[in-house]
Amino acid sequence: MSLPVGVRTEYLLDAGRSHAIYTALRPVLSEVRRMLGGSLGLVGYRPRTPGSDLLVLAVDAPGMADPPLPNESFQLGSLPSRHQPSVLADLLLSSSLRPRQLLLRSALVVPWADEHGAGMVIVGQTRTTPALPQTTADVVRRMSANVRKTVSTGRRQGAVEINRDLQRAMKEVAAGAVDCADVGGALTTLLRSVQRLFNSDVAYLSLPEHDVDTFTFDQVLGIHTPDFRHLRIREGQGLGGLARSERHTVRSLNYARDSRLQAAPVAETAREGIVSAMATPIVVDEQVQAVLYVGDRKLRPYSETDEDVLGEFAGYATLGLKRRATDAYRRDVLRRQEQERLAYDLHDTAVRGLLEIGFAAERGHEEHGADPDVRANLASIAAAAERCMDALRGQLDTLIGSSSERTADQVVEEIAEASLRPDAGHRFTTNRPDSTLPSAVAEALIRIGQEALVNVDLHAERPAEISLETTAERWVLSIADAGPGPRSTSGHSEERAARSHLGVRAMQRAAEQVSGQVERLSPPDVEGYVVRATVPTRNNS
């Protein structure tokens, strides 16, 4: 029976969501480690691919706080024999990706090999005593053969899992190309599919600008900082530029320390929190029409098999993306980006200036000793600032607003873009990131969230917790801050209270438009505030 196109019977390493090789080896390692009385068991492997590193296929180290990661590359302080078992003292294992070392006071190293590369089984003791017992030649032979057989079994099982995930992703992309009314919808489906394929923290897509040499990020999932979203990447620059230049998938396991990347946006990437990433070009009519990325906020040793899988997915990604349609979509994207830049500039100046005027007027109005006429004038100023602010925001919504539904993740991302302190470490969470919200609900929650987050940035020195919870009955958005911080003055809480009135009224009006409500809570015995917006799903479907 012939296999479907794109289906492979074996993948060299674990990749995507599959951990079949690691899972298959763990029981074998555990048995060997216990038999020899070691505190760590590890299976290493070096593929025959030119330039390949020595990788961790699996590790068994009960109680170890920070064990080596699957597919993490490492180096040995001593070079054991490639053909005979060795018993070594003070064997040092050093990660190639991070400042992490592991010293084995005594270790047994058993070499093994297959048709794709060579490896070793390392069983070691991190304590000075006891030393590892001597092993017979028969035990060593059985250990090597068992590991080789288990790796082969894990590879076959991994191929089943990876092929299944790829076929599912291919069907999603193909369905999106047929069902979506425009290229934008198809690209959104593409992004969600690749994020699920790798179970990654983020996924994003860049498209060319007018000069086609500079790419900008269009669609993103899990990205929170405006500085990263608005990056412009030229050919050869950073990870995406390298993928465009080489016209194949590239991976960066530790972006900040990757010496291959030229003029890389390291600072913006670090503020976004991305540590490991891959990028692949999407080629249509022999031209790179987009670059697709996946990434993680923790160290993730993407393997060369991950590269293969992402490259195969990129081949599926060209389904339905014809040159003419892609060019038209790119023009729309550029037009929208210009509108967004103008709107954000206006928001940064006019809207926030009106907020300051309104807050100052309200604070003066609340002062008990003020002249009645002065208080009346200040009240008029506050009301006028509020009316102007609402009118201007309405114009900005018209300029950048969208009538389409948004996912919960996209709502949180738009809230994050309003932050005055993108490096403050605010934490954004959703319980159902792919669930969709109606346009009116999404826009109301975005306005409420942005208003509350700006207030946090102005008056609280500590990071905030922003969460969006979706249930069958309601959407609940919460913005919690831990208070003004240790450097604040004694009058800070009174200033916050005075300033909050104007913002809360604006948030309440936004909630009322979708039959919701806003609460501003001060939890007992806890410094800071919680703004909670609740919108019912009934009458908002």
Protein backbone atom coordinates (compact mmCIF):
# COMPACT_ATOMS: atom_id res chain seq x y z
CA MET A 1 0.00 0.00 0.00
CA SER A 2 1.45 3.39 -0.97
CA LEU A 3 1.64 6.20 1.57
CA PRO A 4 -0.10 9.57 1.07
CA VAL A 5 2.00 12.40 -0.29
CA GLY A 6 4.15 13.96 2.45
CA VAL A 7 3.88 10.98 4.80
CA ARG A 8 7.20 9.64 6.12
CA THR A 9 7.76 6.33 7.87
CA GLU A 10 10.41 7.72 10.24
CA TYR A 11 11.61 11.04 11.65
CA LEU A 12 15.10 11.25 13.12
CA LEU A 13 14.27 13.20 16.30
CA ASP A 14 11.30 14.24 18.37
CA ALA A 15 9.54 17.26 16.85
CA GLY A 16 6.35 19.26 17.01
CA ARG A 17 4.02 17.92 19.69
CA SER A 18 5.55 14.44 19.53
CA HIS A 19 7.80 13.16 22.34
CA ALA A 20 7.69 9.52 21.25
CA ILE A 21 11.46 8.87 21.33
CA TYR A 22 11.86 10.49 24.74
CA THR A 23 8.82 8.61 26.12
CA ALA A 24 10.04 5.26 24.77
CA LEU A 25 13.54 5.67 26.24
CA ARG A 26 12.58 6.80 29.73
CA PRO A 27 11.65 3.32 31.12
CA VAL A 28 14.82 1.79 29.63
CA LEU A 29 16.98 4.53 31.14
CA SER A 30 15.26 4.27 34.50
CA GLU A 31 15.90 0.51 34.68
CA VAL A 32 19.58 0.87 33.76
CA ARG A 33 20.10 3.76 36.18
CA ARG A 34 18.56 1.85 39.09
CA MET A 35 20.54 -1.29 38.23
CA LEU A 36 23.83 0.63 38.33
CA GLY A 37 22.91 2.83 41.29
CA GLY A 38 23.34 6.07 39.33
CA SER A 39 21.63 9.39 39.98
CA LEU A 40 21.35 10.23 36.27
CA GLY A 41 20.78 8.30 33.06
CA LEU A 42 21.08 9.98 29.67
CA VAL A 43 20.94 8.92 26.03
CA GLY A 44 22.95 11.16 23.71
CA TYR A 45 22.97 11.13 19.92
CA ARG A 46 24.86 12.87 17.11
CA PRO A 47 23.15 12.64 13.68
CA ARG A 48 25.36 12.14 10.65
CA THR A 49 24.11 15.45 9.22
CA PRO A 50 27.14 17.75 8.70
CA GLY A 51 27.62 20.15 11.60
CA SER A 52 25.27 18.27 13.94
CA ASP A 53 25.77 18.59 17.68
CA LEU A 54 25.59 15.92 20.35
CA LEU A 55 21.96 15.95 21.50
CA VAL A 56 19.99 14.67 24.48
CA LEU A 57 17.41 12.14 23.30
CA ALA A 58 16.17 11.35 26.81
CA VAL A 59 17.16 11.81 30.44
CA ASP A 60 16.14 10.15 33.70
CA ALA A 61 17.26 12.07 36.79
CA PRO A 62 14.77 11.88 39.68
CA GLY A 63 14.98 14.86 41.99
CA MET A 64 17.29 16.91 39.75
CA ALA A 65 16.09 20.52 39.77
CA ASP A 66 17.14 21.47 36.23
CA PRO A 67 17.83 18.36 34.14
CA PRO A 68 18.97 18.54 30.49
CA LEU A 69 16.15 19.16 28.02
CA PRO A 70 15.14 16.81 25.18
CA ASN A 71 17.11 17.70 22.02
CA GLU A 72 19.37 20.07 23.99
CA SER A 73 22.89 20.06 22.56
CA PHE A 74 25.80 19.51 24.94
CA GLN A 75 29.54 18.94 25.04
CA LEU A 76 31.65 16.52 27.07
CA GLY A 77 34.67 17.60 29.07
CA SER A 78 36.32 14.23 28.36
CA LEU A 79 36.17 12.27 25.11
CA PRO A 80 35.19 8.65 25.79
CA SER A 81 35.92 5.88 23.34
CA ARG A 82 33.55 5.69 20.38
CA HIS A 83 33.84 1.91 20.24
CA GLN A 84 34.35 0.58 23.79
CA PRO A 85 32.55 1.23 27.08
CA SER A 86 34.38 3.64 29.40
CA VAL A 87 34.27 4.29 33.13
CA LEU A 88 35.25 7.93 33.72
CA ALA A 89 35.77 10.13 36.75
CA ASP A 90 34.62 13.77 36.88
CA LEU A 91 32.82 13.76 33.53
CA LEU A 92 31.59 17.31 32.80
CA LEU A 93 28.52 17.85 30.62
CA SER A 94 28.12 21.46 29.39
CA SER A 95 25.06 22.79 27.57
CA SER A 96 25.74 24.52 24.26
CA LEU A 97 22.61 26.68 24.66
CA ARG A 98 22.79 28.08 28.18
CA PRO A 99 25.19 28.47 31.12
CA ARG A 100 24.40 25.04 32.57
CA GLN A 101 26.93 22.36 33.56
CA LEU A 102 26.54 18.95 35.14
CA LEU A 103 29.46 17.17 36.83
CA LEU A 104 29.32 13.38 37.18
CA ARG A 105 31.83 12.19 39.75
CA SER A 106 31.77 8.72 38.22
CA ALA A 107 30.14 7.67 34.96
CA LEU A 108 29.74 4.67 32.69
CA VAL A 109 29.63 5.61 29.00
CA VAL A 110 28.39 2.97 26.55
CA PRO A 111 28.61 3.83 22.82
CA TRP A 112 25.91 2.79 20.32
CA ALA A 113 25.20 3.58 16.69
CA ASP A 114 22.62 3.14 13.93
CA GLU A 115 22.44 3.98 10.23
CA HIS A 116 21.66 7.66 10.94
CA GLY A 117 24.31 8.54 13.50
CA ALA A 118 26.19 7.59 16.67
CA GLY A 119 25.24 7.94 20.28
CA MET A 120 26.06 7.01 23.85
CA VAL A 121 24.34 5.93 27.03
CA ILE A 122 25.66 7.78 30.08
CA VAL A 123 24.86 6.54 33.56
CA GLY A 124 26.47 8.64 36.25
CA GLN A 125 26.64 9.56 39.91
CA THR A 126 26.70 13.21 40.94
CA ARG A 127 27.88 12.35 44.47
CA THR A 128 31.47 11.40 45.28
CA THR A 129 30.43 7.98 46.54
CA PRO A 130 29.57 5.29 45.82
CA ALA A 131 31.41 4.63 42.59
CA LEU A 132 29.51 2.84 39.85
CA PRO A 133 29.83 -0.94 39.94
CA GLN A 134 31.71 -2.81 37.25
CA THR A 135 29.50 -4.19 34.48
CA THR A 136 29.95 -7.32 32.40
CA ALA A 137 30.36 -7.30 28.64
CA ASP A 138 26.99 -9.01 28.30
CA VAL A 139 25.21 -6.24 30.25
CA VAL A 140 26.88 -3.60 28.10
CA ARG A 141 25.92 -5.39 24.87
CA ARG A 142 22.30 -5.73 25.96
CA MET A 143 22.18 -2.08 27.05
CA SER A 144 23.44 -0.85 23.67
CA ALA A 145 21.13 -3.14 21.68
CA ASN A 146 18.11 -2.25 23.82
CA VAL A 147 18.65 1.49 23.41
CA ARG A 148 19.13 1.16 19.64
CA LYS A 149 15.94 -0.89 19.30
CA THR A 150 13.95 1.48 21.52
CA VAL A 151 15.06 4.54 19.54
CA SER A 152 13.94 2.86 16.31
CA THR A 153 10.55 2.04 17.84
CA GLY A 154 10.17 5.61 19.13
CA ARG A 155 10.99 7.02 15.71
CA ARG A 156 8.28 4.96 14.04
CA GLN A 157 5.73 5.96 16.65
CA GLY A 158 6.85 9.58 16.35
CA ALA A 159 6.35 9.44 12.58
CA VAL A 160 2.76 8.31 13.13
CA GLU A 161 2.12 11.25 15.49
CA ILE A 162 3.88 13.87 13.35
CA ASN A 163 2.21 12.69 10.14
CA ARG A 164 -1.17 12.77 11.87
CA ASP A 165 -0.61 16.35 13.05
CA LEU A 166 0.69 17.44 9.64
CA GLN A 167 -2.27 15.92 7.83
CA ARG A 168 -4.66 17.67 10.22
CA ALA A 169 -2.87 20.97 9.65
CA MET A 170 -2.94 20.46 5.88
CA LYS A 171 -6.70 19.93 5.97
CA GLU A 172 -7.19 23.09 8.06
CA VAL A 173 -5.11 25.19 5.69
CA ALA A 174 -6.84 23.77 2.62
CA ALA A 175 -10.27 24.36 4.15
CA GLY A 176 -9.26 27.91 5.07
CA ALA A 177 -8.13 28.61 1.52
CA VAL A 178 -11.53 27.48 0.21
CA ASP A 179 -13.85 28.81 2.92
CA CYS A 180 -12.26 32.18 3.77
CA ALA A 181 -13.48 35.15 1.78
CA ASP A 182 -10.04 36.76 1.50
CA VAL A 183 -6.35 36.04 1.91
CA GLY A 184 -6.39 37.52 5.41
CA GLY A 185 -8.77 34.85 6.65
CA ALA A 186 -6.68 32.11 5.07
CA LEU A 187 -3.53 33.46 6.73
CA THR A 188 -5.25 33.57 10.11
CA THR A 189 -6.14 29.89 9.71
CA LEU A 190 -2.54 29.22 8.71
CA LEU A 191 -1.22 30.87 11.87
CA ARG A 192 -3.54 29.01 14.21
CA SER A 193 -2.70 25.71 12.55
CA VAL A 194 1.06 26.11 12.89
CA GLN A 195 0.75 27.20 16.52
CA ARG A 196 -1.20 24.02 17.29
CA LEU A 197 1.22 21.90 15.25
CA PHE A 198 4.15 22.91 17.47
CA ASN A 199 2.21 23.80 20.63
CA SER A 200 4.21 27.03 20.63
CA ASP A 201 3.68 30.10 22.78
CA VAL A 202 3.61 32.47 19.81
CA ALA A 203 3.15 32.39 16.04
CA TYR A 204 3.41 35.32 13.68
CA LEU A 205 3.62 36.17 9.99
CA SER A 206 5.48 38.91 8.11
CA LEU A 207 4.64 40.32 4.68
CA PRO A 208 6.61 42.61 2.34
CA GLU A 209 6.16 46.38 2.24
CA HIS A 210 6.21 48.51 -0.92
CA ASP A 211 9.89 47.90 -1.64
CA VAL A 212 9.47 44.10 -1.10
CA ASP A 213 12.88 44.06 0.61
CA THR A 214 11.40 45.08 3.95
CA PHE A 215 8.90 42.84 5.72
CA THR A 216 6.54 43.86 8.55
CA PHE A 217 4.56 41.67 10.93
CA ASP A 218 0.92 41.40 9.96
CA GLN A 219 -0.85 38.61 11.79
CA VAL A 220 0.30 37.55 15.26
CA LEU A 221 -0.79 35.13 17.98
CA GLY A 222 0.49 35.56 21.53
CA ILE A 223 2.47 38.76 20.83
CA HIS A 224 1.94 41.52 23.43
CA THR A 225 4.41 44.37 22.92
CA PRO A 226 3.86 47.09 20.28
CA ASP A 227 7.61 47.49 19.68
CA PHE A 228 7.81 43.91 18.46
CA ARG A 229 4.62 44.07 16.39
CA HIS A 230 5.87 47.15 14.53
CA LEU A 231 9.33 45.80 13.63
CA ARG A 232 10.48 46.18 10.02
CA ILE A 233 12.82 43.37 8.92
CA ARG A 234 15.08 43.63 5.89
CA GLU A 235 16.52 40.68 3.96
CA GLY A 236 19.33 39.08 5.92
CA GLN A 237 18.28 40.78 9.15
CA GLY A 238 17.40 38.66 12.16
CA LEU A 239 15.87 35.20 11.97
CA GLY A 240 13.25 35.97 9.33
CA GLY A 241 15.76 37.81 7.15
CA LEU A 242 18.08 34.80 7.34
CA ALA A 243 15.25 32.47 6.29
CA ARG A 244 14.50 34.72 3.31
CA SER A 245 18.16 34.89 2.27
CA GLU A 246 18.70 31.13 2.52
CA ARG A 247 15.17 30.29 1.30
CA HIS A 248 14.71 27.51 3.82
CA THR A 249 13.68 27.02 7.44
CA VAL A 250 16.08 28.23 10.13
CA ARG A 251 15.93 27.89 13.91
CA SER A 252 17.41 29.87 16.76
CA LEU A 253 17.46 27.93 20.01
CA ASN A 254 18.62 30.89 22.11
CA TYR A 255 17.89 34.06 20.13
CA ALA A 256 19.85 36.46 22.35
CA ARG A 257 23.05 34.38 22.01
CA ASP A 258 22.76 33.42 18.33
CA SER A 259 25.87 34.75 16.58
CA ARG A 260 24.52 33.91 13.08
CA LEU A 261 21.85 36.61 13.23
CA GLN A 262 22.80 39.94 11.69
CA ALA A 263 21.34 43.24 12.97
CA ALA A 264 18.81 41.19 14.91
CA PRO A 265 16.16 42.98 17.00
CA VAL A 266 17.49 41.39 20.19
CA ALA A 267 16.14 44.05 22.58
CA GLU A 268 12.60 43.98 21.15
CA THR A 269 12.60 40.18 21.14
CA ALA A 270 13.81 40.06 24.75
CA ARG A 271 11.11 42.51 25.87
CA GLU A 272 8.54 40.32 24.15
CA GLY A 273 9.99 37.39 26.09
CA ILE A 274 10.75 35.13 23.12
CA VAL A 275 13.75 32.86 23.77
CA SER A 276 13.62 30.18 21.03
CA ALA A 277 12.09 30.50 17.55
CA MET A 278 11.99 29.14 14.00
CA ALA A 279 11.21 30.92 10.74
CA THR A 280 10.38 29.59 7.29
CA PRO A 281 9.77 31.39 3.98
CA ILE A 282 6.46 30.91 2.17
CA VAL A 283 7.22 30.86 -1.54
CA VAL A 284 4.51 31.60 -4.14
CA ASP A 285 5.39 31.75 -7.86
CA GLU A 286 9.10 31.47 -6.97
CA GLN A 287 8.94 34.60 -4.81
CA VAL A 288 9.05 34.82 -1.00
CA GLN A 289 5.59 36.21 -0.27
CA ALA A 290 5.66 35.79 3.53
CA VAL A 291 7.74 34.49 6.44
CA LEU A 292 6.11 32.27 9.03
CA TYR A 293 7.44 32.11 12.61
CA VAL A 294 6.82 30.02 15.72
CA GLY A 295 8.45 30.74 19.06
CA ASP A 296 8.51 30.05 22.78
CA ARG A 297 9.03 32.16 25.89
CA LYS A 298 11.23 29.50 27.47
CA LEU A 299 14.29 27.70 26.16
CA ARG A 300 13.12 25.10 23.65
CA PRO A 301 15.73 23.12 21.70
CA TYR A 302 14.00 22.94 18.33
CA SER A 303 15.55 20.02 16.43
CA GLU A 304 16.49 19.58 12.80
CA THR A 305 13.36 17.45 12.55
CA ASP A 306 11.37 20.48 13.75
CA GLU A 307 12.93 22.35 10.82
CA ASP A 308 11.80 19.60 8.45
CA VAL A 309 8.25 19.65 9.82
CA LEU A 310 7.95 23.44 9.60
CA GLY A 311 9.32 23.34 6.06
CA GLU A 312 6.74 20.72 5.08
CA PHE A 313 4.02 22.82 6.62
CA ALA A 314 5.21 25.85 4.65
CA GLY A 315 4.63 23.81 1.49
CA TYR A 316 1.00 23.34 2.55
CA ALA A 317 0.78 27.05 3.37
CA THR A 318 0.97 28.00 -0.32
CA LEU A 319 -2.42 26.37 -0.93
CA GLY A 320 -4.82 29.04 -2.18
CA LEU A 321 -2.31 31.88 -1.85
CA LYS A 322 -2.06 33.08 -5.42
CA ARG A 323 0.27 35.91 -6.33
CA ARG A 324 -2.41 38.40 -7.35
CA ALA A 325 -4.52 37.79 -4.25
CA THR A 326 -1.48 38.03 -1.99
CA ASP A 327 -0.40 41.33 -3.57
CA ALA A 328 -3.87 42.81 -3.10
CA TYR A 329 -3.93 41.70 0.53
CA ARG A 330 -0.47 43.18 1.07
CA ARG A 331 -1.69 46.58 -0.18
CA ASP A 332 -4.60 46.42 2.23
CA VAL A 333 -2.24 45.52 5.06
CA LEU A 334 0.03 48.48 4.31
CA ARG A 335 -2.94 50.85 4.19
CA ARG A 336 -4.22 49.52 7.50
CA GLN A 337 -0.81 49.78 9.12
CA GLU A 338 -0.56 53.45 8.12
CA GLN A 339 -3.98 54.09 9.62
CA GLU A 340 -3.00 52.28 12.82
CA ARG A 341 0.23 54.25 13.16
CA LEU A 342 -1.69 57.52 12.77
CA ALA A 343 -4.33 56.41 15.27
CA TYR A 344 -1.76 55.33 17.87
CA ASP A 345 0.13 58.61 17.48
CA LEU A 346 -3.09 60.53 18.09
CA HIS A 347 -3.92 58.33 21.05
CA ASP A 348 -0.48 58.88 22.57
CA THR A 349 -0.82 62.66 22.33
CA ALA A 350 -4.40 63.91 22.20
CA VAL A 351 -6.29 61.25 24.16
CA ARG A 352 -3.74 60.96 26.94
CA GLY A 353 -3.49 64.76 27.12
CA LEU A 354 -7.24 64.99 27.57
CA LEU A 355 -7.05 62.30 30.25
CA GLU A 356 -4.47 64.37 32.14
CA ILE A 357 -6.63 67.51 31.84
CA GLY A 358 -9.72 65.67 33.02
CA PHE A 359 -7.91 64.01 35.91
CA ALA A 360 -6.37 67.33 37.06
CA ALA A 361 -9.72 69.10 36.84
CA GLU A 362 -11.47 66.41 38.86
CA ARG A 363 -8.76 66.47 41.50
CA GLY A 364 -9.13 70.24 41.88
CA HIS A 365 -12.90 69.96 41.98
CA GLU A 366 -12.72 67.48 44.87
CA GLU A 367 -10.56 69.76 47.02
CA HIS A 368 -12.79 70.94 49.86
CA GLY A 369 -11.23 74.40 50.27
CA ALA A 370 -11.65 75.51 46.68
CA ASP A 371 -13.85 78.47 45.76
CA PRO A 372 -17.33 77.36 44.53
CA ASP A 373 -16.92 79.23 41.24
CA VAL A 374 -13.52 77.65 40.72
CA ARG A 375 -14.96 74.22 41.48
CA ALA A 376 -17.78 74.80 38.99
CA ASN A 377 -15.31 75.83 36.30
CA LEU A 378 -13.15 72.80 37.00
CA ALA A 379 -16.19 70.55 36.77
CA SER A 380 -16.99 72.09 33.37
CA ILE A 381 -13.40 71.50 32.23
CA ALA A 382 -13.54 67.85 33.33
CA ALA A 383 -16.86 67.31 31.53
CA ALA A 384 -15.58 68.99 28.36
CA ALA A 385 -12.39 66.88 28.42
CA GLU A 386 -14.50 63.75 28.81
CA ARG A 387 -16.75 64.67 25.87
CA CYS A 388 -13.77 65.50 23.65
CA MET A 389 -12.03 62.29 24.67
CA ASP A 390 -15.08 60.17 23.81
CA ALA A 391 -15.53 61.93 20.47
CA LEU A 392 -11.88 61.50 19.55
CA ARG A 393 -11.91 57.87 20.57
CA GLY A 394 -14.93 57.34 18.36
CA GLN A 395 -12.99 58.77 15.42
CA LEU A 396 -10.00 56.56 16.24
CA ASP A 397 -12.27 53.51 16.39
CA THR A 398 -13.55 54.42 12.93
CA LEU A 399 -9.98 54.78 11.71
CA ILE A 400 -8.64 51.46 13.00
CA GLY A 401 -11.74 49.60 14.10
CA SER A 402 -12.79 46.25 12.68
CA SER A 403 -16.27 44.82 12.35
CA SER A 404 -14.98 41.26 12.47
CA GLU A 405 -14.88 38.91 15.42
CA ARG A 406 -11.70 38.60 17.45
CA THR A 407 -10.27 35.72 19.42
CA ALA A 408 -9.69 36.11 23.15
CA ASP A 409 -5.95 36.11 22.48
CA GLN A 410 -6.32 38.98 19.98
CA VAL A 411 -8.38 41.00 22.48
CA VAL A 412 -5.64 40.65 25.10
CA GLU A 413 -2.97 41.56 22.52
CA GLU A 414 -4.79 44.81 21.63
CA ILE A 415 -5.11 45.67 25.31
CA ALA A 416 -1.37 45.10 25.73
CA GLU A 417 -0.59 47.53 22.92
CA ALA A 418 -1.94 50.44 24.99
CA SER A 419 0.65 49.98 27.73
CA LEU A 420 2.81 53.02 28.48
CA ARG A 421 5.40 50.69 30.02
CA PRO A 422 5.75 47.66 27.70
CA ASP A 423 8.78 46.47 29.67
CA ALA A 424 6.95 46.55 33.03
CA GLY A 425 6.38 42.78 33.03
CA HIS A 426 2.59 42.84 32.88
CA ARG A 427 1.17 39.32 32.69
CA PHE A 428 -1.59 38.54 30.16
CA THR A 429 -3.59 35.30 30.32
CA THR A 430 -6.67 33.77 28.71
CA ASN A 431 -8.35 30.50 29.60
CA ARG A 432 -9.59 29.90 26.03
CA PRO A 433 -7.27 31.85 23.69
CA ASP A 434 -8.88 30.62 20.44
CA SER A 435 -12.49 31.34 21.46
CA THR A 436 -14.10 34.12 19.41
CA LEU A 437 -15.83 37.22 20.76
CA PRO A 438 -18.43 39.23 18.82
CA SER A 439 -17.11 42.50 17.44
CA ALA A 440 -19.06 44.75 19.84
CA VAL A 441 -18.00 42.72 22.89
CA ALA A 442 -14.37 42.61 21.78
CA GLU A 443 -14.24 46.38 21.20
CA ALA A 444 -15.89 47.12 24.57
CA LEU A 445 -13.47 44.87 26.48
CA ILE A 446 -10.48 46.29 24.60
CA ARG A 447 -11.52 49.84 25.50
CA ILE A 448 -12.06 48.89 29.15
CA GLY A 449 -8.79 46.96 29.33
CA GLN A 450 -6.75 49.72 27.69
CA GLU A 451 -8.26 52.37 29.98
CA ALA A 452 -7.45 50.32 33.08
CA LEU A 453 -3.96 49.40 31.89
CA VAL A 454 -3.02 53.01 31.14
CA ASN A 455 -4.19 53.92 34.63
CA VAL A 456 -1.96 51.18 36.08
CA ASP A 457 1.02 52.42 34.06
CA LEU A 458 0.50 55.99 35.22
CA HIS A 459 0.15 55.25 38.92
CA ALA A 460 1.43 51.77 39.83
CA GLU A 461 5.10 50.87 39.69
CA ARG A 462 4.50 47.14 39.95
CA PRO A 463 3.33 44.90 37.04
CA ALA A 464 -0.35 44.13 36.54
CA GLU A 465 -2.21 40.86 35.98
CA ILE A 466 -4.60 41.04 33.01
CA SER A 467 -6.84 38.03 32.43
CA LEU A 468 -9.76 37.27 30.12
CA GLU A 469 -11.97 34.37 31.14
CA THR A 470 -14.54 32.93 28.74
CA THR A 471 -17.42 30.74 29.89
CA ALA A 472 -20.72 29.69 28.38
CA GLU A 473 -22.52 32.46 30.32
CA ARG A 474 -20.13 35.43 30.32
CA TRP A 475 -16.83 37.06 29.49
CA VAL A 476 -14.87 38.39 32.48
CA LEU A 477 -11.93 40.76 32.03
CA SER A 478 -9.85 41.52 35.14
CA ILE A 479 -7.00 44.02 35.51
CA ALA A 480 -5.29 43.75 38.89
CA ASP A 481 -2.35 45.82 40.09
CA ALA A 482 -0.31 45.39 43.25
CA GLY A 483 -0.32 49.04 44.24
CA PRO A 484 1.85 52.09 43.66
CA GLY A 485 5.10 50.57 44.90
CA PRO A 486 7.67 51.53 47.52
CA ARG A 487 8.78 54.83 45.94
CA SER A 488 5.31 56.40 45.84
CA THR A 489 4.45 59.47 47.91
CA SER A 490 1.88 59.49 50.67
CA GLY A 491 -0.59 61.44 48.57
CA HIS A 492 -0.46 58.97 45.70
CA SER A 493 -3.53 56.95 46.71
CA GLU A 494 -5.68 60.09 46.90
CA GLU A 495 -4.46 61.14 43.45
CA ARG A 496 -5.28 57.71 42.06
CA ALA A 497 -8.76 57.82 43.55
CA ALA A 498 -9.44 61.25 42.02
CA ARG A 499 -8.06 60.24 38.65
CA SER A 500 -9.99 56.98 38.57
CA HIS A 501 -13.46 58.55 38.44
CA LEU A 502 -13.16 59.75 34.86
CA GLY A 503 -11.74 56.46 33.61
CA VAL A 504 -14.31 54.34 35.45
CA ARG A 505 -17.17 56.30 33.92
CA ALA A 506 -15.76 55.74 30.44
CA MET A 507 -15.34 52.03 31.16
CA GLN A 508 -18.88 51.78 32.51
CA ARG A 509 -20.29 53.36 29.36
CA ALA A 510 -18.35 50.92 27.20
CA ALA A 511 -19.67 47.98 29.25
CA GLU A 512 -23.26 49.24 29.17
CA GLN A 513 -23.21 49.21 25.36
CA VAL A 514 -22.99 45.38 25.52
CA SER A 515 -25.21 44.93 28.62
CA GLY A 516 -22.18 44.52 30.87
CA GLN A 517 -20.92 46.10 34.06
CA VAL A 518 -17.61 47.29 35.51
CA GLU A 519 -16.53 47.00 39.13
CA ARG A 520 -13.55 48.66 40.76
CA LEU A 521 -12.57 46.64 43.81
CA SER A 522 -10.02 47.13 46.58
CA PRO A 523 -9.43 43.68 48.10
CA PRO A 524 -9.07 43.67 51.90
CA ASP A 525 -5.53 43.48 53.27
CA VAL A 526 -4.12 43.79 49.74
CA GLU A 527 -2.56 46.93 48.28
CA GLY A 528 -3.82 47.94 44.85
CA TYR A 529 -7.05 47.66 42.89
CA VAL A 530 -8.90 45.24 40.64
CA VAL A 531 -11.01 46.42 37.71
CA ARG A 532 -13.41 43.70 36.63
CA ALA A 533 -15.65 43.90 33.56
CA THR A 534 -18.37 41.28 33.12
CA VAL A 535 -20.33 40.91 29.86
CA PRO A 536 -23.09 38.29 29.46
CA THR A 537 -23.06 36.06 26.40
CA ARG A 538 -26.85 36.28 26.19
CA ASN A 539 -27.93 38.99 23.70
CA ASN A 540 -24.30 39.28 22.56
CA SER A 541 -23.99 36.30 20.26
